[in-house]
Protein backbone atom coordinates (compact mmCIF):
# COMPACT_ATOMS: atom_id res chain seq x y z
CA MET A 1 -31.86 -4.58 12.64
CA SER A 2 -30.66 -1.08 11.77
CA PHE A 3 -28.33 -0.16 8.96
CA SER A 4 -26.48 2.99 7.92
CA VAL A 5 -23.77 4.07 5.49
CA VAL A 6 -21.47 7.01 6.13
CA PHE A 7 -19.61 8.50 3.16
CA GLN A 8 -16.15 9.30 4.49
CA THR A 9 -13.85 12.11 3.42
CA THR A 10 -11.44 11.02 0.68
CA LYS A 11 -8.01 12.39 -0.07
CA GLU A 12 -9.45 14.03 -3.18
CA ASP A 13 -11.89 15.94 -0.96
CA ILE A 14 -9.01 17.05 1.28
CA PHE A 15 -6.85 18.13 -1.67
CA GLU A 16 -9.68 20.02 -3.39
CA LYS A 17 -10.55 21.88 -0.19
CA GLU A 18 -6.93 22.96 0.37
CA GLU A 19 -6.53 23.97 -3.28
CA LYS A 20 -9.50 26.30 -2.98
CA LYS A 21 -8.08 27.82 0.21
CA CYS A 22 -4.71 28.44 -1.45
CA GLU A 23 -6.29 29.97 -4.53
CA LYS A 24 -8.49 32.25 -2.45
CA GLN A 25 -5.50 33.39 -0.39
CA ALA A 26 -3.46 33.92 -3.57
CA GLN A 27 -6.15 36.24 -4.97
CA LYS A 28 -5.89 38.45 -1.88
CA LEU A 29 -2.07 38.53 -2.06
CA ARG A 30 -2.13 39.42 -5.76
CA SER A 31 -4.46 42.33 -5.09
CA THR A 32 -1.98 43.77 -2.57
CA GLY A 33 1.27 42.61 -4.15
CA GLY A 34 2.13 40.63 -1.00
CA ILE A 35 4.05 37.37 -0.50
CA TYR A 36 2.83 34.61 1.82
CA LEU A 37 4.64 34.04 5.13
CA ASP A 38 3.80 30.86 7.02
CA PRO A 39 2.81 31.81 10.60
CA ASP A 40 3.26 28.21 11.79
CA PHE A 41 6.75 27.74 10.29
CA PRO A 42 8.06 31.31 9.91
CA PRO A 43 11.20 31.96 7.87
CA ASP A 44 12.66 34.28 10.54
CA ASP A 45 12.36 31.86 13.48
CA PRO A 46 15.69 30.15 14.38
CA SER A 47 13.78 27.34 16.14
CA CYS A 48 12.50 26.16 12.74
CA VAL A 49 16.09 25.33 11.85
CA GLY A 50 17.20 24.03 15.22
CA ARG A 51 20.67 22.95 16.30
CA ILE A 52 22.15 21.48 13.18
CA LEU A 53 24.50 18.51 13.33
CA ASP A 54 26.11 17.34 10.13
CA ARG A 55 26.04 13.74 8.96
CA TYR A 56 29.07 13.03 11.16
CA ASP A 57 27.21 14.25 14.29
CA LYS A 58 29.36 17.36 14.55
CA PRO A 59 27.85 20.82 15.12
CA THR A 60 27.98 22.92 11.98
CA LEU A 61 29.92 26.18 12.08
CA GLN A 62 27.53 27.89 9.72
CA ASP A 63 25.30 30.60 11.15
CA MET A 64 21.79 30.00 9.84
CA THR A 65 19.98 32.28 12.27
CA GLY A 66 19.48 34.98 9.66
CA PRO A 67 16.32 35.36 7.54
CA TRP A 68 15.62 32.75 4.90
CA CYS A 69 15.77 33.65 1.23
CA ALA A 70 13.11 33.73 -1.46
CA PRO A 71 14.13 31.54 -4.44
CA HIS A 72 15.07 34.42 -6.74
CA THR A 73 17.38 36.06 -4.17
CA PHE A 74 19.94 33.27 -3.78
CA SER A 75 23.45 34.06 -5.00
CA GLU A 76 23.71 30.67 -6.69
CA SER A 77 22.34 29.85 -10.13
CA LEU A 78 18.75 30.65 -9.11
CA ASN A 79 17.16 33.73 -10.66
CA ASP A 80 13.78 34.86 -11.89
CA ASP A 81 13.69 31.80 -14.18
CA TRP A 82 13.47 29.36 -11.25
CA CYS A 83 10.74 26.73 -11.34
CA VAL A 84 9.33 23.95 -9.20
CA TYR A 85 10.53 21.20 -11.54
CA ASN A 86 11.46 20.74 -15.18
CA ASP A 87 12.49 17.27 -16.35
CA PRO A 88 13.94 16.21 -12.96
CA TRP A 89 16.53 13.44 -12.68
CA PRO A 90 17.91 11.52 -9.68
CA PHE A 91 21.39 13.03 -10.14
CA HIS A 92 19.89 16.51 -9.70
CA VAL A 93 19.16 15.69 -6.04
CA GLU A 94 21.90 16.87 -3.67
CA GLN A 95 21.89 16.30 0.09
CA GLY A 96 22.66 19.39 2.16
CA ASN A 97 24.20 19.94 5.55
CA LEU A 98 21.85 17.56 7.33
CA GLY A 99 22.04 13.89 8.27
CA ASP A 100 18.79 13.11 6.42
CA CYS A 101 20.17 10.77 3.76
CA GLY A 102 17.19 8.44 4.27
CA LEU A 103 14.85 11.19 3.10
CA ILE A 104 17.09 12.40 0.25
CA ALA A 105 17.60 8.85 -1.09
CA ALA A 106 13.80 8.42 -1.09
CA ILE A 107 13.42 11.72 -2.99
CA GLN A 108 15.96 10.50 -5.54
CA CYS A 109 13.81 7.43 -6.11
CA ILE A 110 10.77 9.47 -7.21
CA ALA A 111 12.61 11.87 -9.55
CA ARG A 112 11.61 10.01 -12.73
CA ARG A 113 8.12 9.06 -11.52
CA LYS A 114 6.36 12.02 -13.07
CA GLU A 115 2.83 11.13 -11.96
CA LEU A 116 3.94 10.67 -8.34
CA LEU A 117 6.02 13.86 -8.19
CA GLU A 118 3.18 15.94 -9.64
CA PHE A 119 0.81 14.32 -7.15
CA ILE A 120 3.06 15.14 -4.16
CA LEU A 121 3.92 18.68 -5.24
CA PRO A 122 1.38 20.20 -7.68
CA ASP A 123 2.96 23.04 -9.66
CA ARG A 124 0.64 26.02 -9.32
CA GLU A 125 0.98 29.66 -10.43
CA TYR A 126 0.60 30.92 -6.86
CA ILE A 127 3.84 29.19 -5.85
CA LYS A 128 5.94 31.61 -7.86
CA ASP A 129 3.92 34.83 -7.69
CA CYS A 130 2.55 34.51 -4.13
CA GLY A 131 5.01 32.19 -2.38
CA ILE A 132 2.35 29.62 -1.39
CA VAL A 133 3.58 26.01 -1.51
CA HIS A 134 1.67 22.90 -0.55
CA VAL A 135 3.01 19.35 -0.41
CA ARG A 136 0.87 16.24 -0.02
CA LEU A 137 2.27 13.66 2.42
CA PHE A 138 0.89 10.52 4.03
CA VAL A 139 1.30 11.22 7.75
CA ASN A 140 0.14 8.97 10.61
CA GLY A 141 -1.99 6.83 8.32
CA LYS A 142 -3.74 9.60 6.39
CA TRP A 143 -3.05 12.10 3.62
CA GLU A 144 -2.34 15.66 4.71
CA VAL A 145 -1.61 18.88 2.84
CA ILE A 146 1.46 20.61 4.28
CA LYS A 147 1.25 24.32 3.46
CA PHE A 148 4.18 26.73 3.84
CA ASP A 149 5.92 29.66 2.14
CA TYR A 150 8.67 29.40 -0.47
CA HIS A 151 11.52 30.86 1.66
CA ILE A 152 14.51 28.53 2.11
CA PRO A 153 17.20 28.49 4.86
CA GLN A 154 20.48 30.08 3.71
CA TYR A 155 24.07 30.82 4.65
CA ASN A 156 25.73 33.68 2.79
CA ARG A 157 22.71 33.63 0.47
CA ARG A 158 23.35 30.03 -0.54
CA GLN A 159 21.11 27.04 0.10
CA VAL A 160 22.47 24.90 2.92
CA PHE A 161 20.07 21.96 2.87
CA ALA A 162 18.75 19.71 0.08
CA ARG A 163 18.83 21.32 -3.36
CA THR A 164 19.24 20.73 -7.09
CA ASN A 165 21.50 23.65 -8.20
CA ASN A 166 19.66 23.92 -11.51
CA ASN A 167 16.92 26.47 -10.84
CA GLN A 168 14.50 23.79 -9.59
CA LEU A 169 13.05 23.94 -6.07
CA TRP A 170 11.14 20.64 -5.84
CA VAL A 171 13.74 18.93 -3.65
CA SER A 172 14.00 21.91 -1.28
CA PHE A 173 10.22 22.19 -0.98
CA ILE A 174 9.68 18.50 -0.22
CA GLU A 175 12.43 18.57 2.43
CA LYS A 176 10.86 21.70 3.96
CA ALA A 177 7.48 19.93 4.18
CA PHE A 178 9.10 17.12 6.16
CA ALA A 179 10.88 19.70 8.36
CA LYS A 180 7.56 21.37 9.17
CA ILE A 181 6.04 18.00 10.13
CA LYS A 182 9.01 17.26 12.39
CA GLY A 183 9.09 20.75 13.91
CA SER A 184 12.49 21.78 12.55
CA TYR A 185 15.15 20.91 10.01
CA ALA A 186 17.36 19.59 12.81
CA ASN A 187 14.75 16.94 13.60
CA LEU A 188 15.18 15.44 10.12
CA LYS A 189 18.47 13.87 11.17
CA GLY A 190 18.23 10.10 11.09
CA ILE A 191 14.86 9.90 9.32
CA SER A 192 14.52 6.40 7.92
CA CYS A 193 13.94 5.45 4.29
CA THR A 194 10.86 3.44 5.27
CA GLU A 195 9.22 6.45 6.91
CA ALA A 196 10.16 8.76 4.03
CA LEU A 197 8.96 6.37 1.31
CA THR A 198 5.62 5.75 3.00
CA CYS A 199 5.09 9.49 3.55
CA LEU A 200 5.80 10.18 -0.14
CA THR A 201 3.71 7.36 -1.60
CA GLY A 202 1.10 6.37 0.97
CA CYS A 203 2.19 2.76 0.43
CA PRO A 204 3.66 0.33 2.97
CA SER A 205 7.46 0.16 3.20
CA THR A 206 9.61 -2.58 4.66
CA LEU A 207 13.20 -2.82 5.87
CA ILE A 208 14.88 -6.08 4.87
CA MET A 209 18.23 -7.18 6.27
CA ILE A 210 20.53 -8.64 3.64
CA ASP A 211 21.19 -12.33 4.22
CA LYS A 212 24.78 -12.71 3.06
CA ASP A 213 24.43 -16.50 3.16
CA LYS A 214 21.43 -16.55 0.84
CA ASP A 215 21.90 -17.78 -2.70
CA LEU A 216 22.80 -14.96 -5.11
CA GLU A 217 20.33 -16.20 -7.68
CA ASP A 218 17.47 -16.00 -5.17
CA ILE A 219 18.42 -12.47 -4.09
CA TRP A 220 18.62 -11.33 -7.71
CA GLU A 221 15.23 -12.89 -8.51
CA ASP A 222 13.71 -11.09 -5.52
CA PHE A 223 15.08 -7.76 -6.72
CA ILE A 224 13.79 -8.31 -10.26
CA LYS A 225 10.37 -9.22 -8.85
CA TYR A 226 10.25 -5.99 -6.82
CA TYR A 227 11.50 -3.92 -9.74
CA SER A 228 9.04 -5.48 -12.21
CA SER A 229 6.21 -4.71 -9.78
CA GLY A 230 7.13 -1.02 -9.89
CA PHE A 231 8.21 -0.93 -6.24
CA VAL A 232 10.48 1.86 -4.99
CA MET A 233 13.79 0.71 -3.49
CA ALA A 234 16.73 2.05 -1.51
CA ALA A 235 19.63 0.55 0.46
CA ALA A 236 22.01 1.44 3.27
CA THR A 237 25.61 0.69 4.23
CA PRO A 238 26.46 -0.35 7.80
CA TYR A 239 27.98 1.83 10.50
CA ILE A 240 31.69 1.05 10.75
CA GLU A 241 34.18 1.95 13.45
CA GLU A 242 36.60 4.73 12.61
CA GLU A 243 40.22 3.73 11.92
CA SER A 244 39.21 0.11 11.32
CA GLU A 245 40.52 -1.87 8.35
CA GLU A 246 36.98 -2.26 7.04
CA LYS A 247 36.53 1.50 7.18
CA LYS A 248 39.58 1.92 4.94
CA VAL A 249 38.00 -0.33 2.32
CA TYR A 250 34.87 1.85 2.22
CA VAL A 251 37.02 4.99 1.97
CA GLU A 252 38.94 3.52 -0.95
CA LEU A 253 35.64 2.74 -2.68
CA ASN A 254 34.21 6.20 -1.92
CA LEU A 255 31.33 4.49 -0.13
CA GLU A 256 29.98 6.33 2.89
CA ASN A 257 29.27 4.14 5.90
CA GLY A 258 25.95 4.36 7.70
CA HIS A 259 24.49 6.02 4.64
CA ALA A 260 21.36 5.57 2.51
CA TYR A 261 21.49 5.21 -1.29
CA SER A 262 18.72 5.01 -3.88
CA ILE A 263 18.25 1.93 -6.09
CA LEU A 264 17.29 3.01 -9.60
CA ASP A 265 17.69 0.19 -12.12
CA PHE A 266 18.71 -3.44 -12.75
CA LYS A 267 20.46 -4.90 -15.76
CA GLN A 268 22.32 -8.00 -16.79
CA GLN A 269 25.48 -7.49 -18.87
CA ASP A 270 27.29 -10.65 -19.99
CA ASP A 271 27.86 -12.59 -16.76
CA HIS A 272 27.34 -9.56 -14.53
CA ARG A 273 24.08 -8.80 -12.72
CA LEU A 274 24.15 -5.08 -12.03
CA ILE A 275 22.29 -2.63 -9.80
CA LEU A 276 22.24 1.11 -10.51
CA ILE A 277 22.85 2.95 -7.23
CA GLY A 278 22.32 6.66 -6.61
CA SER A 279 24.42 8.66 -4.15
CA THR A 280 23.07 11.72 -2.35
CA HIS A 281 26.52 13.35 -2.66
CA GLU A 282 28.87 13.74 -5.61
CA THR A 283 31.14 10.95 -4.41
CA SER A 284 30.30 7.88 -6.43
CA PRO A 285 32.32 4.73 -5.69
CA THR A 286 35.40 3.89 -7.76
CA THR A 287 34.00 0.62 -9.07
CA THR A 288 34.59 -1.04 -12.40
CA GLU A 289 32.43 0.56 -15.07
CA PHE A 290 30.45 -2.34 -16.49
CA LEU A 291 27.96 -0.13 -18.32
CA PRO A 292 27.49 3.55 -19.10
CA ILE A 293 25.08 5.14 -16.63
CA TYR A 294 22.47 5.65 -19.33
CA GLU A 295 22.12 4.28 -22.83
CA ASP A 296 23.24 6.55 -25.69
CA GLU A 297 19.70 7.59 -26.56
CA ILE A 298 19.21 9.06 -23.09
CA HIS A 299 22.82 10.15 -22.49
CA ASN A 300 22.97 12.25 -25.65
CA LYS A 301 19.87 14.20 -24.65
CA LEU A 302 21.47 15.32 -21.39
CA SER A 303 23.46 18.54 -21.15
CA ALA A 304 27.21 18.30 -20.57
CA CYS A 305 26.62 19.42 -16.98
CA ASP A 306 23.98 16.73 -16.39
CA GLN A 307 26.20 14.07 -17.96
CA LYS A 308 28.93 14.98 -15.50
CA LYS A 309 26.54 14.93 -12.55
CA ALA A 310 25.24 11.51 -13.57
CA GLU A 311 28.79 10.14 -13.68
CA ASN A 312 29.57 11.61 -10.25
CA LYS A 313 26.41 10.46 -8.45
CA LEU A 314 25.26 7.22 -10.10
CA PHE A 315 27.12 3.94 -10.42
CA TRP A 316 26.59 0.31 -11.39
CA PHE A 317 27.32 -2.25 -8.67
CA ARG A 318 27.57 -6.00 -9.13
CA ILE A 319 25.10 -7.96 -7.03
CA GLU A 320 28.06 -9.64 -5.31
CA ASP A 321 29.52 -6.27 -4.28
CA PHE A 322 26.13 -4.97 -3.23
CA ILE A 323 25.66 -7.87 -0.81
CA ARG A 324 29.20 -7.43 0.51
CA TYR A 325 29.13 -3.67 1.18
CA PHE A 326 25.44 -3.00 1.95
CA TYR A 327 23.64 -4.54 4.88
CA ARG A 328 19.96 -3.70 4.39
CA PHE A 329 17.56 -2.45 1.77
CA TYR A 330 14.12 -0.88 1.74
CA ILE A 331 11.09 -1.90 -0.32
CA CYS A 332 8.12 0.41 -0.83
CA GLU A 333 5.16 -1.39 -2.40
CA TYR A 334 4.33 1.58 -4.58
CA LYS A 335 1.10 1.72 -6.53
CA GLU A 336 0.06 4.51 -8.85
CA PRO A 337 -1.99 7.29 -7.22
CA MET A 338 -5.67 6.42 -7.38
CA PHE A 339 -9.04 8.06 -7.02
CA GLU A 340 -10.95 6.84 -3.98
CA LYS A 341 -14.41 6.58 -2.50
CA CYS A 342 -14.81 5.51 1.13
CA PHE A 343 -17.83 4.19 3.02
CA LEU A 344 -18.43 3.11 6.60
CA GLN A 345 -21.16 0.45 6.68
CA ASN A 346 -22.79 -0.03 10.10
CA ALA A 347 -25.11 -2.88 11.06
CA ILE A 348 -26.79 -3.37 14.46
CA ILE A 349 -28.41 -6.73 15.19
CA PRO A 350 -30.29 -7.40 18.46
CA TRP A 351 -28.52 -9.93 20.68
CA GLU A 352 -31.77 -11.83 21.19
CA ALA A 353 -32.20 -12.31 17.43
CA THR A 354 -32.45 -15.92 16.35
CA GLU A 355 -33.75 -15.61 12.81
CA SER A 356 -31.69 -14.69 9.79
CA TYR A 357 -31.58 -10.95 9.20
CA GLY A 358 -29.50 -10.98 6.05
CA ASN A 359 -26.98 -8.29 5.30
CA HIS A 360 -26.17 -5.47 2.92
CA VAL A 361 -23.84 -5.81 -0.03
CA LEU A 362 -21.99 -3.12 -1.95
CA CYS A 363 -23.18 -2.79 -5.56
CA LEU A 364 -21.50 -1.03 -8.48
CA ASP A 365 -23.03 0.04 -11.78
CA ILE A 366 -20.17 0.49 -14.26
CA LYS A 367 -20.64 2.19 -17.63
CA GLU A 368 -17.15 1.68 -19.12
CA ARG A 369 -14.39 -0.86 -18.66
CA GLN A 370 -12.33 0.32 -15.70
CA LYS A 371 -9.52 -0.80 -13.42
CA PHE A 372 -10.41 -1.18 -9.73
CA GLU A 373 -8.89 -2.10 -6.41
CA PHE A 374 -11.09 -2.83 -3.39
CA GLU A 375 -10.29 -2.75 0.30
CA VAL A 376 -12.59 -3.86 3.11
CA CYS A 377 -11.88 -3.84 6.82
CA VAL A 378 -14.02 -5.33 9.58
CA LYS A 379 -14.33 -2.98 12.55
CA GLN A 380 -15.25 -4.67 15.82
CA ARG A 381 -13.83 -3.53 19.13
CA GLY A 382 -12.01 -6.16 21.14
CA THR A 383 -12.21 -8.79 18.42
CA THR A 384 -9.48 -10.38 16.33
CA PHE A 385 -10.69 -11.64 12.96
CA GLU A 386 -8.92 -14.66 11.58
CA SER A 387 -10.26 -14.53 8.04
CA LEU A 388 -12.07 -12.31 5.60
CA ILE A 389 -13.43 -13.25 2.16
CA LEU A 390 -14.49 -10.92 -0.63
CA ASN A 391 -16.37 -12.28 -3.65
CA ILE A 392 -17.23 -10.17 -6.68
CA HIS A 393 -20.29 -11.32 -8.66
CA LYS A 394 -21.71 -9.92 -11.88
CA GLY A 395 -25.44 -9.59 -12.51
CA ALA A 396 -26.58 -10.59 -9.01
CA THR A 397 -30.26 -10.28 -8.02
CA LYS A 398 -32.17 -11.39 -4.94
CA ASN A 399 -31.82 -15.17 -4.54
CA ASP A 400 -29.39 -15.25 -7.47
CA CYS A 401 -25.74 -14.32 -6.90
CA GLY A 402 -24.98 -14.12 -10.59
CA GLU A 403 -21.60 -15.06 -12.05
CA LEU A 404 -18.63 -15.22 -9.67
CA ILE A 405 -15.85 -13.10 -11.25
CA HIS A 406 -13.17 -12.81 -8.55
CA SER A 407 -12.49 -14.23 -5.08
CA PHE A 408 -10.09 -12.99 -2.42
CA LEU A 409 -9.25 -14.35 1.04
CA GLU A 410 -7.01 -12.84 3.73
CA SER A 411 -6.09 -14.18 7.16
CA CYS A 412 -6.74 -10.85 8.93
CA ASP A 413 -9.43 -8.22 9.43
CA ARG A 414 -8.34 -6.12 6.41
CA LEU A 415 -8.42 -7.35 2.83
CA THR A 416 -7.00 -5.51 -0.17
CA THR A 417 -7.61 -7.01 -3.59
CA GLU A 418 -5.28 -7.16 -6.51
CA PRO A 419 -6.09 -4.74 -9.33
CA VAL A 420 -9.00 -6.06 -11.43
CA PHE A 421 -10.61 -4.85 -14.64
CA LEU A 422 -14.41 -4.82 -14.69
CA ASP A 423 -16.45 -4.54 -17.88
CA PRO A 424 -19.70 -2.52 -18.09
CA GLY A 425 -22.46 -4.02 -15.95
CA THR A 426 -23.73 -4.39 -12.38
CA TYR A 427 -21.48 -6.01 -9.78
CA THR A 428 -22.15 -7.16 -6.22
CA LEU A 429 -19.43 -7.43 -3.57
CA PHE A 430 -20.08 -10.08 -0.90
CA SER A 431 -17.93 -9.63 2.20
CA VAL A 432 -18.00 -12.97 4.02
CA TYR A 433 -16.71 -13.19 7.59
CA GLY A 434 -17.28 -15.83 10.21
CA GLU A 435 -18.48 -13.79 13.16
CA ARG A 436 -21.88 -12.34 14.01
CA PHE A 437 -22.01 -9.35 16.38
CA LYS A 438 -24.49 -6.94 17.86
CA ASP A 439 -22.58 -3.97 16.47
CA LEU A 440 -20.47 -4.41 13.37
CA SER A 441 -18.90 -1.96 10.93
CA LEU A 442 -17.29 -2.51 7.55
CA GLU A 443 -14.94 0.10 6.13
CA TRP A 444 -14.98 0.06 2.32
CA ILE A 445 -12.50 1.76 -0.01
CA VAL A 446 -12.99 1.66 -3.78
CA ARG A 447 -9.95 2.79 -5.79
CA SER A 448 -9.31 3.38 -9.47
CA PRO A 449 -6.58 5.15 -11.48
CA THR A 450 -9.39 6.86 -13.42
CA PRO A 451 -12.13 9.08 -11.91
CA LEU A 452 -15.03 7.32 -10.19
CA ASP A 453 -17.64 9.93 -11.04
CA GLY A 454 -19.25 7.66 -13.66
CA VAL A 455 -19.55 4.68 -11.27
CA SER A 456 -22.78 4.37 -9.28
CA MET A 457 -22.30 2.83 -5.83
CA TYR A 458 -25.08 1.75 -3.46
CA PHE A 459 -26.03 -0.97 -0.95
CA ASN A 460 -28.67 -3.71 -1.28
CA MET A 461 -30.10 -6.01 1.39
CA LEU A 462 -29.71 -9.71 0.55
CA PRO A 463 -30.65 -12.81 2.61
CA ASP A 464 -28.06 -14.92 4.40
CA SER A 465 -28.69 -17.70 1.90
CA ASP A 466 -27.16 -15.53 -0.86
CA PHE A 467 -24.00 -15.17 1.20
CA ALA A 468 -23.95 -18.95 1.66
CA VAL A 469 -24.33 -19.43 -2.11
CA SER A 470 -21.48 -16.98 -2.74
CA LEU A 471 -19.22 -18.90 -0.35
CA GLN A 472 -20.17 -22.26 -1.85
CA THR A 473 -19.68 -21.02 -5.40
CA MET A 474 -16.21 -19.79 -4.47
CA ILE A 475 -15.20 -23.19 -3.08
CA ALA A 476 -16.72 -25.10 -6.01
CA LYS A 477 -15.02 -22.86 -8.59
CA ASN A 478 -11.55 -22.76 -7.03
CA GLY A 479 -11.28 -25.93 -4.95
CA LEU A 480 -10.29 -29.52 -5.59
CA LYS A 481 -13.13 -31.94 -6.26
CA GLU A 482 -13.35 -35.52 -4.94
CA LYS A 483 -16.40 -37.51 -6.02
CA ASN A 484 -17.69 -40.74 -4.50
CA GLU A 485 -19.83 -42.26 -7.27
CA LYS A 486 -21.27 -44.98 -5.04
CA ASP A 487 -22.48 -42.63 -2.29
CA GLU A 488 -23.33 -39.85 -4.74
CA VAL A 489 -21.27 -37.44 -2.64
CA VAL A 490 -18.81 -34.77 -3.75
CA ILE A 491 -16.32 -33.21 -1.35
CA TYR A 492 -14.64 -29.91 -2.25
CA ASN A 493 -11.59 -28.43 -0.55
CA TRP A 494 -9.85 -25.14 -1.29
CA PHE A 495 -6.54 -24.11 0.23
CA LYS A 496 -5.79 -20.37 0.09
CA ASN A 497 -3.63 -18.01 2.19
CA ARG A 498 -3.14 -20.47 5.07
CA TYR A 499 -6.79 -21.50 5.16
CA ALA A 500 -8.54 -24.70 4.10
CA LEU A 501 -12.27 -24.61 3.31
CA PHE A 502 -14.46 -27.69 2.86
CA MET A 503 -17.88 -28.24 1.31
CA VAL A 504 -20.02 -31.35 0.85
CA GLU A 505 -22.43 -31.87 -2.06
CA ASN A 506 -25.21 -34.47 -1.91
CA LEU A 507 -26.22 -35.66 -5.41
CA SER A 508 -28.73 -38.20 -4.16
CA GLU A 509 -32.41 -37.49 -4.87
CA THR A 510 -33.64 -39.32 -1.75
CA ASN A 511 -30.94 -39.76 0.89
CA TYR A 512 -29.66 -37.33 3.50
CA LEU A 513 -26.06 -36.90 4.65
CA GLN A 514 -25.08 -36.38 8.27
CA VAL A 515 -21.67 -34.66 8.37
CA ARG A 516 -19.50 -34.90 11.47
CA PRO A 517 -19.61 -33.14 13.84
CA ALA A 518 -23.31 -33.94 13.92
CA ALA A 519 -24.25 -30.51 15.28
CA LEU A 520 -23.61 -29.10 11.80
CA GLY A 521 -26.86 -30.61 10.67
CA SER A 522 -27.64 -32.69 7.62
CA VAL A 523 -27.23 -32.14 3.89
CA PRO A 524 -30.61 -32.71 2.19
CA PRO A 525 -30.93 -34.46 -1.18
CA MET A 526 -29.67 -32.51 -4.19
CA SER A 527 -28.01 -29.79 -2.11
CA ARG A 528 -24.61 -28.76 -0.80
CA ARG A 529 -23.30 -27.34 2.43
CA PHE A 530 -20.20 -25.53 3.65
CA VAL A 531 -18.88 -27.70 6.51
CA ALA A 532 -15.46 -26.54 7.72
CA MET A 533 -12.76 -23.92 7.64
CA PHE A 534 -9.49 -24.08 9.54
CA SER A 535 -6.09 -22.41 9.47
CA VAL A 536 -2.83 -24.07 8.46
CA HIS A 537 0.53 -23.36 10.03
CA PRO A 538 2.48 -20.80 7.93
CA ALA A 539 5.43 -23.18 7.61
CA LYS A 540 3.26 -25.75 5.81
CA LYS A 541 2.52 -25.25 2.13
CA GLU A 542 -0.63 -27.36 2.25
CA PRO A 543 -3.00 -28.63 4.95
CA GLU A 544 -2.50 -31.95 6.66
CA HIS A 545 -4.80 -34.79 5.76
CA PHE A 546 -8.34 -33.84 6.73
CA GLU A 547 -11.08 -36.43 6.49
CA ILE A 548 -14.74 -35.51 6.05
CA LYS A 549 -16.92 -38.15 7.72
CA TYR A 550 -20.58 -38.55 6.88
CA GLU A 551 -23.47 -40.96 7.24
CA ILE A 552 -26.22 -41.69 4.70
CA PHE A 553 -29.78 -42.11 5.96
CA SER A 554 -33.44 -41.73 5.01
CA TRP A 555 -35.87 -38.84 5.45
CA TYR A 556 -37.46 -40.56 8.50
CA ARG A 557 -34.21 -40.83 10.42
CA ASN A 558 -33.29 -37.29 9.47
CA HIS A 559 -36.60 -36.03 10.88
CA LEU A 560 -35.91 -37.74 14.23
CA THR A 561 -32.34 -36.46 14.27
CA GLN A 562 -33.39 -32.84 13.70
CA LEU A 563 -36.04 -33.13 16.42
CA ARG A 564 -33.46 -34.45 18.90
CA TYR A 565 -31.11 -31.52 18.22
CA ARG A 566 -33.88 -29.00 18.69
CA LEU A 567 -34.60 -30.45 22.13
CA VAL A 568 -30.93 -30.27 23.20
CA SER A 569 -30.14 -26.59 23.82
CA TYR A 570 -26.51 -26.92 24.88
CA VAL A 571 -25.00 -28.42 21.73
CA ASP A 572 -21.42 -27.22 21.29
CA ASP A 573 -21.18 -26.23 17.63
CA PRO A 574 -17.57 -25.52 16.62
CA ASP A 575 -18.76 -23.59 13.57
CA ASP A 576 -21.50 -21.63 15.32
CA ASP A 577 -19.81 -18.36 14.38
CA TRP A 578 -20.60 -19.10 10.75
CA ILE A 579 -24.33 -18.79 11.39
CA GLY A 580 -26.22 -18.53 8.14
CA LEU A 581 -23.21 -19.48 6.02
CA ASN A 582 -23.34 -23.24 6.60
CA CYS A 583 -26.99 -23.59 5.69
CA PRO A 584 -27.69 -26.13 2.94
CA VAL A 585 -28.41 -24.75 -0.53
CA ALA A 586 -30.36 -26.67 -3.18
CA LEU A 587 -28.57 -27.58 -6.38
CA LYS A 588 -29.95 -26.09 -9.56
């Protein structure tokens, strides 16, 4: 058996490398008094703008073929005091002459998430004095640094696309990063909220159609659950035929059809359940004002101009009206940016191998209490994994798994744990999967909101029996227990994430148990054995009745039985994939 671990490049490595490149380039520009011009997305190339259609699919009459402007040269409110961001708010975000409301609504959603905004667009000195901008986006499943210059498309020296109109360029820069990815500003038309939210956060996003027949209470509870989890949300109105009666209703409400809006807050006022909606244009709906946009403490800190903008772009909507006038919403399962370390664990086992080779486990030495999230993915070409288990033990040594702290099970080949706090000590992560292959790789990702420099990570070889003990301990700790006093037999079953796992424990000091199917082998005295695992249909909340059958017999009969099975080479073992994991383990 051969084993190797490859330390993979993390997003921190990528970001640090690009930061050094930008700083080095900035030093050269400062020595010459030059300003950076992006050769891959040049500010004097009309193709970078493209043929612009407005949000009504009509060609714009504005001529944007001229050179783009540096921030301090716009004829609007921008001047030498411009900045990347300074106390940004959702109502600062204004959609320009593009049909990219999905992107702009997503940008509105992150305005008050300071840690995320600073992560996406780090504010560096070389942005202002050298014109070098870099934006971090999650593109095609990986983090990338999008580098470009600070020049912005203009018409009559005014910004024509997304902007803030308050000397802040963060919205314009993020939109430009997306335009560079897409090849031009024109290609931003129709970008979806799900794509934009995932690119901004690196987290999965989902489109959910609104079920207008669903109970209002259930819909409200779902929204509160998403909001309490810190998820980012947006919504969209349907496309409606022009000149229709329904269209007139939307016009009267100042609601744009086929348009994306940000979802910013939820509150309950008297009998009203309210959602705070953000518009990408200064055309907020004429709905009943149930609440002021912000509470007095926040409202009074805003300038008169910002107070006016908030009133023109944000509005409270009753849940009933939301369901009536919107037809879908978007959920981004946002999690705070984390530090990462990635490993690729490779194991090669000869096909002719019959003995147990054991396997490697990931170990962590932690000096201070820290929050972690673990992800493990089984890589095997041409194979579909039905289940993956991850057990975290504390204080494990060879032939002793230590204390089981956490258990996770997923019905797929990728498992991501919930956030867990681990106290100082040594921890061992057992990844338990049912298959055994000649070539197998495990991709590990260790995440934490705090730096991982003080955490030692390494791999140890442990025997298969330790993996069996880990699996058995998990079932015994979490499962239901049914004891037959007469037979001195205990049967455990644990139902988790559509899977049912079963284990048999033999408390007799003399008798053996033969569990059906017989090919599984016997359970010796004072030992236990994992005997079955099967999936349950998603529509069923618990497994159907499953009966564990066994026989009790003496050592002599067991000896003859084992001999007979060794002589029969073609036994069909339904659990053969779980080689090493269903071996009996002696009770302590």
